[in-house]
């Protein structure tokens, strides 16, 4: 179930600190820089959620920035703190559905460092939801180990997303 991240600030602050230098999360923190996790005040520029199971355990974090002038949700952040989990996947689908159906944003954009294990999931999700891969920036992200990874950019337009929902 999705809940506002503001309800879980202490957990998120601790968890983001714990994973900051774990190799598993090197793609989530490109540029080798970690800042202390901080919830954004209000919801005008950013929406932040956590996925929780029935027992109230936080499974992951889902957030995106908002450009209200252009009605674009961008910089989608998706981080699963555990193993792949059906509840987390359903909550991610719910969050994306709300981007287009509840909040009526006209576009959703995000990027991934090429090589991230989640990349293949994003590729499939993008196609399934009527989106497209915009392109790849070569050697754009510096990872914690000092290597550089390409960065892939995605977008989903609201009208194509809605078409993909109707045609299911």
N, C-alpha and C. Protein backbone atom coordinates (compact mmCIF):
# COMPACT_ATOMS: atom_id res chain seq x y z
N UNK A 1 0.84 -1.17 0.00
CA UNK A 1 0.00 0.00 0.00
C UNK A 1 0.90 1.24 0.00
N UNK A 2 0.51 2.23 -0.78
CA UNK A 2 1.26 3.50 -0.80
C UNK A 2 0.86 4.37 0.38
N UNK A 3 1.87 4.97 0.99
CA UNK A 3 1.65 5.93 2.06
C UNK A 3 2.57 7.12 1.81
N UNK A 4 2.20 8.29 2.32
CA UNK A 4 3.11 9.43 2.20
C UNK A 4 4.44 9.13 2.90
N UNK A 5 5.52 9.46 2.26
CA UNK A 5 6.85 9.21 2.83
C UNK A 5 7.04 9.99 4.13
N UNK A 6 6.36 11.11 4.27
CA UNK A 6 6.50 11.93 5.48
C UNK A 6 6.13 11.17 6.75
N UNK A 7 5.36 10.10 6.62
CA UNK A 7 4.99 9.29 7.77
C UNK A 7 6.13 8.37 8.21
N UNK A 8 7.18 8.28 7.40
CA UNK A 8 8.26 7.32 7.66
C UNK A 8 9.64 7.97 7.57
N UNK A 9 9.75 9.22 7.95
CA UNK A 9 11.00 9.96 7.80
C UNK A 9 12.15 9.31 8.57
N UNK A 10 11.91 8.91 9.81
CA UNK A 10 13.00 8.31 10.60
C UNK A 10 13.52 7.04 9.93
N UNK A 11 12.60 6.19 9.48
CA UNK A 11 13.03 4.96 8.81
C UNK A 11 13.82 5.29 7.54
N UNK A 12 13.29 6.20 6.72
CA UNK A 12 13.94 6.53 5.46
C UNK A 12 15.32 7.16 5.68
N UNK A 13 15.43 8.04 6.66
CA UNK A 13 16.72 8.65 6.96
C UNK A 13 17.74 7.57 7.32
N UNK A 14 17.35 6.65 8.19
CA UNK A 14 18.24 5.56 8.60
C UNK A 14 18.56 4.65 7.43
N UNK A 15 17.54 4.26 6.66
CA UNK A 15 17.75 3.29 5.57
C UNK A 15 18.62 3.88 4.46
N UNK A 16 18.37 5.12 4.06
CA UNK A 16 19.19 5.74 3.02
C UNK A 16 20.64 5.89 3.48
N UNK A 17 20.85 6.13 4.77
CA UNK A 17 22.21 6.20 5.30
C UNK A 17 22.87 4.83 5.24
N UNK A 18 22.13 3.78 5.59
CA UNK A 18 22.67 2.42 5.58
C UNK A 18 23.10 1.97 4.18
N UNK A 19 22.34 2.34 3.17
CA UNK A 19 22.61 1.82 1.82
C UNK A 19 23.50 2.73 0.99
N UNK A 20 23.86 3.88 1.52
CA UNK A 20 24.57 4.90 0.73
C UNK A 20 25.82 4.37 0.04
N UNK A 21 26.53 3.46 0.66
CA UNK A 21 27.78 2.98 0.08
C UNK A 21 27.73 1.50 -0.28
N UNK A 22 26.55 0.90 -0.27
CA UNK A 22 26.41 -0.50 -0.68
C UNK A 22 26.51 -0.58 -2.20
N UNK A 23 27.30 -1.52 -2.67
CA UNK A 23 27.49 -1.70 -4.10
C UNK A 23 26.17 -1.94 -4.83
N UNK A 24 25.26 -2.64 -4.17
CA UNK A 24 23.95 -2.94 -4.77
C UNK A 24 23.21 -1.67 -5.19
N UNK A 25 23.43 -0.58 -4.47
CA UNK A 25 22.70 0.66 -4.73
C UNK A 25 23.54 1.71 -5.46
N UNK A 26 24.67 1.32 -6.02
CA UNK A 26 25.54 2.30 -6.68
C UNK A 26 24.86 3.00 -7.85
N UNK A 27 23.89 2.35 -8.47
CA UNK A 27 23.19 2.97 -9.60
C UNK A 27 22.14 3.97 -9.13
N UNK A 28 21.66 3.82 -7.91
CA UNK A 28 20.67 4.75 -7.39
C UNK A 28 21.33 6.08 -7.00
N UNK A 29 22.60 6.01 -6.63
CA UNK A 29 23.33 7.19 -6.19
C UNK A 29 24.44 7.53 -7.18
N UNK A 30 24.13 7.85 -8.44
CA UNK A 30 25.22 8.21 -9.34
C UNK A 30 25.90 9.48 -8.87
N UNK A 31 27.07 9.69 -9.35
CA UNK A 31 27.92 10.83 -9.03
C UNK A 31 28.70 10.61 -7.73
N UNK A 32 28.49 9.47 -7.07
CA UNK A 32 29.28 9.15 -5.90
C UNK A 32 29.03 10.07 -4.71
N UNK A 33 27.96 10.86 -4.74
CA UNK A 33 27.67 11.81 -3.67
C UNK A 33 26.40 11.40 -2.95
N UNK A 34 26.44 11.47 -1.65
CA UNK A 34 25.26 11.16 -0.85
C UNK A 34 24.96 12.32 0.06
N UNK A 35 23.75 12.76 0.05
CA UNK A 35 23.31 13.77 1.00
C UNK A 35 22.41 13.05 1.99
N UNK A 36 22.24 13.62 3.15
CA UNK A 36 21.32 13.03 4.12
C UNK A 36 19.90 13.09 3.54
N UNK A 37 19.17 12.00 3.68
CA UNK A 37 17.80 11.97 3.18
C UNK A 37 16.99 13.05 3.88
N UNK A 38 16.23 13.77 3.08
CA UNK A 38 15.41 14.84 3.62
C UNK A 38 14.11 14.90 2.84
N UNK A 39 13.03 14.83 3.54
CA UNK A 39 11.71 14.96 2.94
C UNK A 39 11.53 16.41 2.48
N UNK A 40 10.91 16.59 1.35
CA UNK A 40 10.60 17.94 0.86
C UNK A 40 9.39 18.46 1.61
N UNK A 41 9.47 19.72 2.00
CA UNK A 41 8.33 20.34 2.68
C UNK A 41 7.21 20.57 1.67
N UNK A 42 6.06 20.04 1.92
CA UNK A 42 4.92 20.24 1.04
C UNK A 42 4.96 19.34 -0.18
N UNK A 43 3.98 19.53 -1.05
CA UNK A 43 3.85 18.67 -2.24
C UNK A 43 3.80 19.47 -3.54
N UNK A 44 4.17 20.74 -3.49
CA UNK A 44 4.10 21.56 -4.70
C UNK A 44 5.15 21.16 -5.72
N UNK A 45 6.35 20.82 -5.27
CA UNK A 45 7.44 20.52 -6.20
C UNK A 45 7.83 19.04 -6.24
N UNK A 46 7.30 18.24 -5.32
CA UNK A 46 7.70 16.83 -5.27
C UNK A 46 6.63 16.02 -4.54
N UNK A 47 6.34 14.84 -5.08
CA UNK A 47 5.50 13.86 -4.40
C UNK A 47 6.39 12.72 -3.95
N UNK A 48 6.27 12.29 -2.68
CA UNK A 48 7.09 11.24 -2.13
C UNK A 48 6.21 10.22 -1.40
N UNK A 49 6.44 8.95 -1.72
CA UNK A 49 5.65 7.87 -1.15
C UNK A 49 6.56 6.74 -0.69
N UNK A 50 6.01 5.90 0.17
CA UNK A 50 6.64 4.63 0.48
C UNK A 50 5.64 3.52 0.18
N UNK A 51 6.18 2.38 -0.16
CA UNK A 51 5.39 1.17 -0.33
C UNK A 51 5.51 0.39 0.97
N UNK A 52 4.39 0.01 1.55
CA UNK A 52 4.42 -0.75 2.80
C UNK A 52 3.62 -2.03 2.65
N UNK A 53 4.05 -3.06 3.38
CA UNK A 53 3.30 -4.33 3.36
C UNK A 53 2.20 -4.27 4.42
N UNK A 54 1.47 -5.37 4.57
CA UNK A 54 0.33 -5.40 5.51
C UNK A 54 0.74 -5.18 6.96
N UNK A 55 1.98 -5.54 7.26
CA UNK A 55 2.48 -5.36 8.63
C UNK A 55 3.04 -3.96 8.87
N UNK A 56 3.06 -3.12 7.85
CA UNK A 56 3.55 -1.76 7.98
C UNK A 56 5.04 -1.61 7.72
N UNK A 57 5.69 -2.67 7.23
CA UNK A 57 7.11 -2.60 6.90
C UNK A 57 7.30 -1.84 5.59
N UNK A 58 8.26 -0.93 5.57
CA UNK A 58 8.54 -0.15 4.36
C UNK A 58 9.32 -1.02 3.39
N UNK A 59 8.78 -1.18 2.18
CA UNK A 59 9.40 -2.01 1.15
C UNK A 59 10.25 -1.18 0.19
N UNK A 60 9.86 0.07 -0.01
CA UNK A 60 10.58 0.90 -0.97
C UNK A 60 10.07 2.32 -0.97
N UNK A 61 10.72 3.12 -1.80
CA UNK A 61 10.48 4.56 -1.89
C UNK A 61 10.21 4.91 -3.34
N UNK A 62 9.18 5.73 -3.57
CA UNK A 62 8.79 6.17 -4.91
C UNK A 62 8.53 7.68 -4.82
N UNK A 63 9.19 8.44 -5.68
CA UNK A 63 9.01 9.89 -5.65
C UNK A 63 9.24 10.46 -7.04
N UNK A 64 8.76 11.65 -7.25
CA UNK A 64 9.03 12.35 -8.51
C UNK A 64 8.91 13.85 -8.27
N UNK A 65 9.66 14.59 -9.06
CA UNK A 65 9.59 16.05 -9.02
C UNK A 65 8.48 16.52 -9.94
N UNK A 66 8.05 17.75 -9.71
CA UNK A 66 6.91 18.29 -10.45
C UNK A 66 7.26 19.64 -11.06
N UNK A 67 6.99 19.79 -12.34
CA UNK A 67 7.05 21.08 -13.03
C UNK A 67 5.60 21.46 -13.30
N UNK A 68 5.05 22.29 -12.46
CA UNK A 68 3.63 22.64 -12.56
C UNK A 68 3.34 23.53 -13.76
N UNK A 69 4.30 24.34 -14.19
CA UNK A 69 4.08 25.17 -15.38
C UNK A 69 3.82 24.31 -16.61
N UNK A 70 4.60 23.24 -16.75
CA UNK A 70 4.47 22.37 -17.92
C UNK A 70 3.63 21.13 -17.64
N UNK A 71 3.21 20.95 -16.39
CA UNK A 71 2.45 19.77 -15.96
C UNK A 71 3.20 18.48 -16.30
N UNK A 72 4.46 18.45 -15.89
CA UNK A 72 5.33 17.30 -16.12
C UNK A 72 5.82 16.76 -14.78
N UNK A 73 5.69 15.46 -14.61
CA UNK A 73 6.31 14.77 -13.47
C UNK A 73 7.64 14.23 -14.01
N UNK A 74 8.71 14.50 -13.29
CA UNK A 74 10.03 14.10 -13.81
C UNK A 74 10.93 13.64 -12.67
N UNK A 75 12.06 13.11 -13.05
CA UNK A 75 13.06 12.61 -12.09
C UNK A 75 12.45 11.56 -11.17
N UNK A 76 11.70 10.65 -11.77
CA UNK A 76 11.07 9.56 -11.02
C UNK A 76 12.15 8.78 -10.27
N UNK A 77 11.97 8.63 -8.98
CA UNK A 77 12.89 7.85 -8.13
C UNK A 77 12.18 6.59 -7.68
N UNK A 78 12.79 5.47 -7.94
CA UNK A 78 12.21 4.19 -7.56
C UNK A 78 13.31 3.40 -6.87
N UNK A 79 13.10 3.03 -5.62
CA UNK A 79 14.09 2.22 -4.93
C UNK A 79 13.39 1.18 -4.06
N UNK A 80 13.68 -0.06 -4.36
CA UNK A 80 13.15 -1.19 -3.62
C UNK A 80 14.21 -1.59 -2.60
N UNK A 81 13.87 -1.54 -1.32
CA UNK A 81 14.85 -1.83 -0.28
C UNK A 81 15.09 -3.32 -0.06
N UNK A 82 14.25 -4.14 -0.63
CA UNK A 82 14.40 -5.57 -0.42
C UNK A 82 14.51 -6.31 -1.71
N UNK A 83 14.03 -7.54 -1.67
CA UNK A 83 14.00 -8.34 -2.88
C UNK A 83 12.84 -7.85 -3.74
N UNK A 84 12.80 -8.32 -4.97
CA UNK A 84 11.65 -7.96 -5.80
C UNK A 84 10.40 -8.38 -5.04
N UNK A 85 9.43 -7.55 -5.01
CA UNK A 85 8.25 -7.79 -4.20
C UNK A 85 7.00 -7.39 -4.98
N UNK A 86 6.02 -8.26 -4.98
CA UNK A 86 4.79 -8.01 -5.72
C UNK A 86 4.08 -6.75 -5.23
N UNK A 87 4.07 -6.55 -3.92
CA UNK A 87 3.39 -5.37 -3.36
C UNK A 87 4.07 -4.09 -3.86
N UNK A 88 5.40 -4.08 -3.85
CA UNK A 88 6.13 -2.90 -4.33
C UNK A 88 5.80 -2.63 -5.79
N UNK A 89 5.78 -3.66 -6.61
CA UNK A 89 5.46 -3.49 -8.04
C UNK A 89 4.05 -2.93 -8.22
N UNK A 90 3.11 -3.42 -7.44
CA UNK A 90 1.73 -2.91 -7.53
C UNK A 90 1.66 -1.46 -7.07
N UNK A 91 2.42 -1.13 -6.03
CA UNK A 91 2.43 0.25 -5.55
C UNK A 91 3.06 1.19 -6.57
N UNK A 92 4.10 0.74 -7.25
CA UNK A 92 4.70 1.55 -8.31
C UNK A 92 3.68 1.79 -9.42
N UNK A 93 2.98 0.75 -9.83
CA UNK A 93 1.93 0.91 -10.86
C UNK A 93 0.86 1.89 -10.39
N UNK A 94 0.50 1.81 -9.12
CA UNK A 94 -0.50 2.73 -8.55
C UNK A 94 0.00 4.18 -8.59
N UNK A 95 1.27 4.38 -8.21
CA UNK A 95 1.84 5.73 -8.22
C UNK A 95 1.84 6.31 -9.64
N UNK A 96 2.21 5.50 -10.62
CA UNK A 96 2.23 5.97 -12.01
C UNK A 96 0.81 6.25 -12.49
N UNK A 97 -0.11 5.39 -12.13
CA UNK A 97 -1.52 5.62 -12.49
C UNK A 97 -1.99 6.97 -11.94
N UNK A 98 -1.63 7.29 -10.70
CA UNK A 98 -2.05 8.57 -10.11
C UNK A 98 -1.41 9.76 -10.81
N UNK A 99 -0.18 9.60 -11.30
CA UNK A 99 0.47 10.68 -12.04
C UNK A 99 -0.43 11.14 -13.17
N UNK A 100 -0.99 10.18 -13.90
CA UNK A 100 -1.78 10.51 -15.09
C UNK A 100 -3.28 10.63 -14.83
N UNK A 101 -3.82 9.80 -13.97
CA UNK A 101 -5.27 9.76 -13.80
C UNK A 101 -5.78 10.66 -12.68
N UNK A 102 -5.05 10.74 -11.59
CA UNK A 102 -5.49 11.58 -10.47
C UNK A 102 -4.97 13.01 -10.60
N UNK A 103 -3.66 13.14 -10.82
CA UNK A 103 -3.04 14.46 -10.87
C UNK A 103 -3.02 15.07 -12.27
N UNK A 104 -3.30 14.25 -13.28
CA UNK A 104 -3.45 14.70 -14.67
C UNK A 104 -2.19 15.35 -15.26
N UNK A 105 -1.01 14.87 -14.83
CA UNK A 105 0.22 15.36 -15.47
C UNK A 105 0.23 14.88 -16.90
N UNK A 106 0.78 15.68 -17.80
CA UNK A 106 0.75 15.32 -19.21
C UNK A 106 1.93 14.47 -19.64
N UNK A 107 2.95 14.38 -18.78
CA UNK A 107 4.14 13.61 -19.13
C UNK A 107 4.84 13.14 -17.86
N UNK A 108 5.47 11.97 -17.97
CA UNK A 108 6.33 11.44 -16.91
C UNK A 108 7.68 11.12 -17.53
N UNK A 109 8.75 11.66 -16.92
CA UNK A 109 10.12 11.42 -17.42
C UNK A 109 10.97 10.86 -16.30
N UNK A 110 11.90 9.98 -16.68
CA UNK A 110 12.89 9.50 -15.73
C UNK A 110 14.09 8.94 -16.46
N UNK A 111 15.13 8.66 -15.69
CA UNK A 111 16.37 8.16 -16.27
C UNK A 111 16.87 6.98 -15.44
N UNK A 112 17.75 6.20 -16.04
CA UNK A 112 18.40 5.10 -15.33
C UNK A 112 19.84 5.00 -15.82
N UNK A 113 20.73 4.67 -14.92
CA UNK A 113 22.11 4.38 -15.33
C UNK A 113 22.11 3.02 -16.01
N UNK A 114 22.64 2.97 -17.22
CA UNK A 114 22.69 1.72 -17.97
C UNK A 114 23.55 0.73 -17.19
N UNK A 115 23.03 -0.47 -17.04
CA UNK A 115 23.69 -1.49 -16.24
C UNK A 115 22.97 -1.74 -14.93
N UNK A 116 22.13 -0.80 -14.52
CA UNK A 116 21.33 -0.98 -13.33
C UNK A 116 20.45 -2.21 -13.53
N UNK A 117 20.40 -3.14 -12.58
CA UNK A 117 19.56 -4.32 -12.73
C UNK A 117 18.09 -3.98 -13.01
N UNK A 118 17.64 -2.81 -12.58
CA UNK A 118 16.25 -2.40 -12.82
C UNK A 118 16.00 -1.93 -14.24
N UNK A 119 17.06 -1.72 -15.01
CA UNK A 119 16.92 -1.17 -16.37
C UNK A 119 15.97 -2.00 -17.23
N UNK A 120 16.11 -3.30 -17.20
CA UNK A 120 15.24 -4.16 -18.04
C UNK A 120 13.77 -4.03 -17.63
N UNK A 121 13.52 -3.83 -16.33
CA UNK A 121 12.15 -3.63 -15.86
C UNK A 121 11.60 -2.30 -16.38
N UNK A 122 12.44 -1.26 -16.36
CA UNK A 122 12.02 0.05 -16.85
C UNK A 122 11.75 0.00 -18.35
N UNK A 123 12.59 -0.72 -19.09
CA UNK A 123 12.36 -0.86 -20.53
C UNK A 123 10.99 -1.47 -20.80
N UNK A 124 10.70 -2.57 -20.12
CA UNK A 124 9.40 -3.25 -20.32
C UNK A 124 8.24 -2.38 -19.85
N UNK A 125 8.40 -1.75 -18.69
CA UNK A 125 7.34 -0.91 -18.15
C UNK A 125 7.04 0.25 -19.11
N UNK A 126 8.08 0.84 -19.64
CA UNK A 126 7.92 1.97 -20.54
C UNK A 126 7.12 1.57 -21.78
N UNK A 127 7.50 0.47 -22.38
CA UNK A 127 6.80 -0.01 -23.59
C UNK A 127 5.35 -0.36 -23.25
N UNK A 128 5.15 -1.08 -22.15
CA UNK A 128 3.81 -1.53 -21.75
C UNK A 128 2.88 -0.35 -21.48
N UNK A 129 3.44 0.78 -21.01
CA UNK A 129 2.62 1.94 -20.66
C UNK A 129 2.57 3.00 -21.76
N UNK A 130 3.01 2.63 -22.96
CA UNK A 130 2.92 3.55 -24.09
C UNK A 130 4.04 4.57 -24.16
N UNK A 131 5.10 4.34 -23.42
CA UNK A 131 6.21 5.28 -23.40
C UNK A 131 7.27 4.97 -24.44
N UNK A 132 8.37 5.68 -24.34
CA UNK A 132 9.46 5.46 -25.28
C UNK A 132 10.79 5.82 -24.61
N UNK A 133 11.83 5.25 -25.15
CA UNK A 133 13.17 5.59 -24.73
C UNK A 133 13.60 6.79 -25.56
N UNK A 134 13.93 7.87 -24.88
CA UNK A 134 14.32 9.11 -25.57
C UNK A 134 15.71 8.97 -26.16
N UNK A 135 16.61 8.41 -25.39
CA UNK A 135 17.98 8.25 -25.87
C UNK A 135 18.92 7.88 -24.74
N UNK A 136 20.18 7.81 -25.10
CA UNK A 136 21.21 7.42 -24.15
C UNK A 136 22.33 8.46 -24.18
N UNK A 137 22.68 8.95 -23.01
CA UNK A 137 23.81 9.85 -22.85
C UNK A 137 25.02 8.99 -22.49
N UNK A 138 26.08 9.11 -23.27
CA UNK A 138 27.25 8.27 -23.03
C UNK A 138 28.05 8.73 -21.82
N UNK A 139 28.42 7.76 -21.01
CA UNK A 139 29.29 7.98 -19.84
C UNK A 139 28.87 9.23 -19.05
N UNK A 140 27.62 9.28 -18.69
CA UNK A 140 27.02 10.44 -18.03
C UNK A 140 27.09 10.35 -16.50
N UNK A 141 26.96 9.14 -15.96
CA UNK A 141 26.88 8.96 -14.51
C UNK A 141 28.18 8.39 -13.96
N UNK A 142 28.74 9.06 -12.98
CA UNK A 142 29.92 8.52 -12.29
C UNK A 142 29.43 7.72 -11.09
N UNK A 143 29.79 6.46 -11.06
CA UNK A 143 29.35 5.59 -9.98
C UNK A 143 30.33 5.66 -8.82
N UNK A 144 29.93 5.12 -7.69
CA UNK A 144 30.73 5.20 -6.47
C UNK A 144 32.11 4.57 -6.63
N UNK A 145 32.22 3.59 -7.53
CA UNK A 145 33.51 2.92 -7.74
C UNK A 145 34.40 3.67 -8.73
N UNK A 146 33.97 4.85 -9.15
CA UNK A 146 34.77 5.67 -10.05
C UNK A 146 34.56 5.38 -11.53
N UNK A 147 33.77 4.37 -11.85
CA UNK A 147 33.49 4.06 -13.25
C UNK A 147 32.35 4.96 -13.74
N UNK A 148 32.24 5.06 -15.06
CA UNK A 148 31.17 5.86 -15.66
C UNK A 148 30.18 4.94 -16.35
N UNK A 149 28.91 5.28 -16.23
CA UNK A 149 27.85 4.52 -16.88
C UNK A 149 27.08 5.44 -17.81
N UNK A 150 26.56 4.86 -18.88
CA UNK A 150 25.67 5.61 -19.75
C UNK A 150 24.36 5.85 -19.01
N UNK A 151 23.63 6.87 -19.42
CA UNK A 151 22.34 7.18 -18.80
C UNK A 151 21.25 7.12 -19.88
N UNK A 152 20.21 6.36 -19.60
CA UNK A 152 19.09 6.20 -20.53
C UNK A 152 17.91 7.02 -20.02
N UNK A 153 17.26 7.74 -20.95
CA UNK A 153 16.13 8.58 -20.57
C UNK A 153 14.83 8.03 -21.18
N UNK A 154 13.78 8.07 -20.38
CA UNK A 154 12.46 7.58 -20.78
C UNK A 154 11.42 8.69 -20.65
N UNK A 155 10.32 8.53 -21.40
CA UNK A 155 9.16 9.39 -21.18
C UNK A 155 7.89 8.63 -21.53
N UNK A 156 6.84 8.99 -20.82
CA UNK A 156 5.50 8.47 -21.12
C UNK A 156 4.59 9.69 -21.20
N UNK A 157 3.87 9.81 -22.29
CA UNK A 157 2.90 10.89 -22.46
C UNK A 157 1.55 10.41 -21.94
N UNK A 158 0.79 11.30 -21.35
CA UNK A 158 -0.50 10.94 -20.74
C UNK A 158 -1.45 10.28 -21.74
N UNK A 159 -1.57 10.86 -22.94
CA UNK A 159 -2.52 10.30 -23.90
C UNK A 159 -2.13 8.87 -24.29
N UNK A 160 -0.85 8.61 -24.47
CA UNK A 160 -0.40 7.25 -24.80
C UNK A 160 -0.58 6.30 -23.63
N UNK A 161 -0.34 6.82 -22.42
CA UNK A 161 -0.56 6.01 -21.23
C UNK A 161 -2.03 5.59 -21.15
N UNK A 162 -2.93 6.57 -21.33
CA UNK A 162 -4.36 6.25 -21.25
C UNK A 162 -4.77 5.27 -22.34
N UNK A 163 -4.21 5.42 -23.54
CA UNK A 163 -4.47 4.45 -24.62
C UNK A 163 -4.00 3.05 -24.22
N UNK A 164 -2.85 2.96 -23.57
CA UNK A 164 -2.33 1.65 -23.17
C UNK A 164 -3.22 1.01 -22.12
N UNK A 165 -3.86 1.80 -21.28
CA UNK A 165 -4.77 1.27 -20.25
C UNK A 165 -6.06 0.76 -20.89
N UNK A 166 -6.55 1.47 -21.91
CA UNK A 166 -7.78 1.06 -22.58
C UNK A 166 -7.57 -0.22 -23.37
N UNK A 167 -6.41 -0.35 -23.97
CA UNK A 167 -6.13 -1.49 -24.83
C UNK A 167 -5.65 -2.72 -24.09
N UNK A 168 -5.77 -2.76 -22.78
CA UNK A 168 -5.37 -3.94 -22.02
C UNK A 168 -6.44 -4.98 -22.00
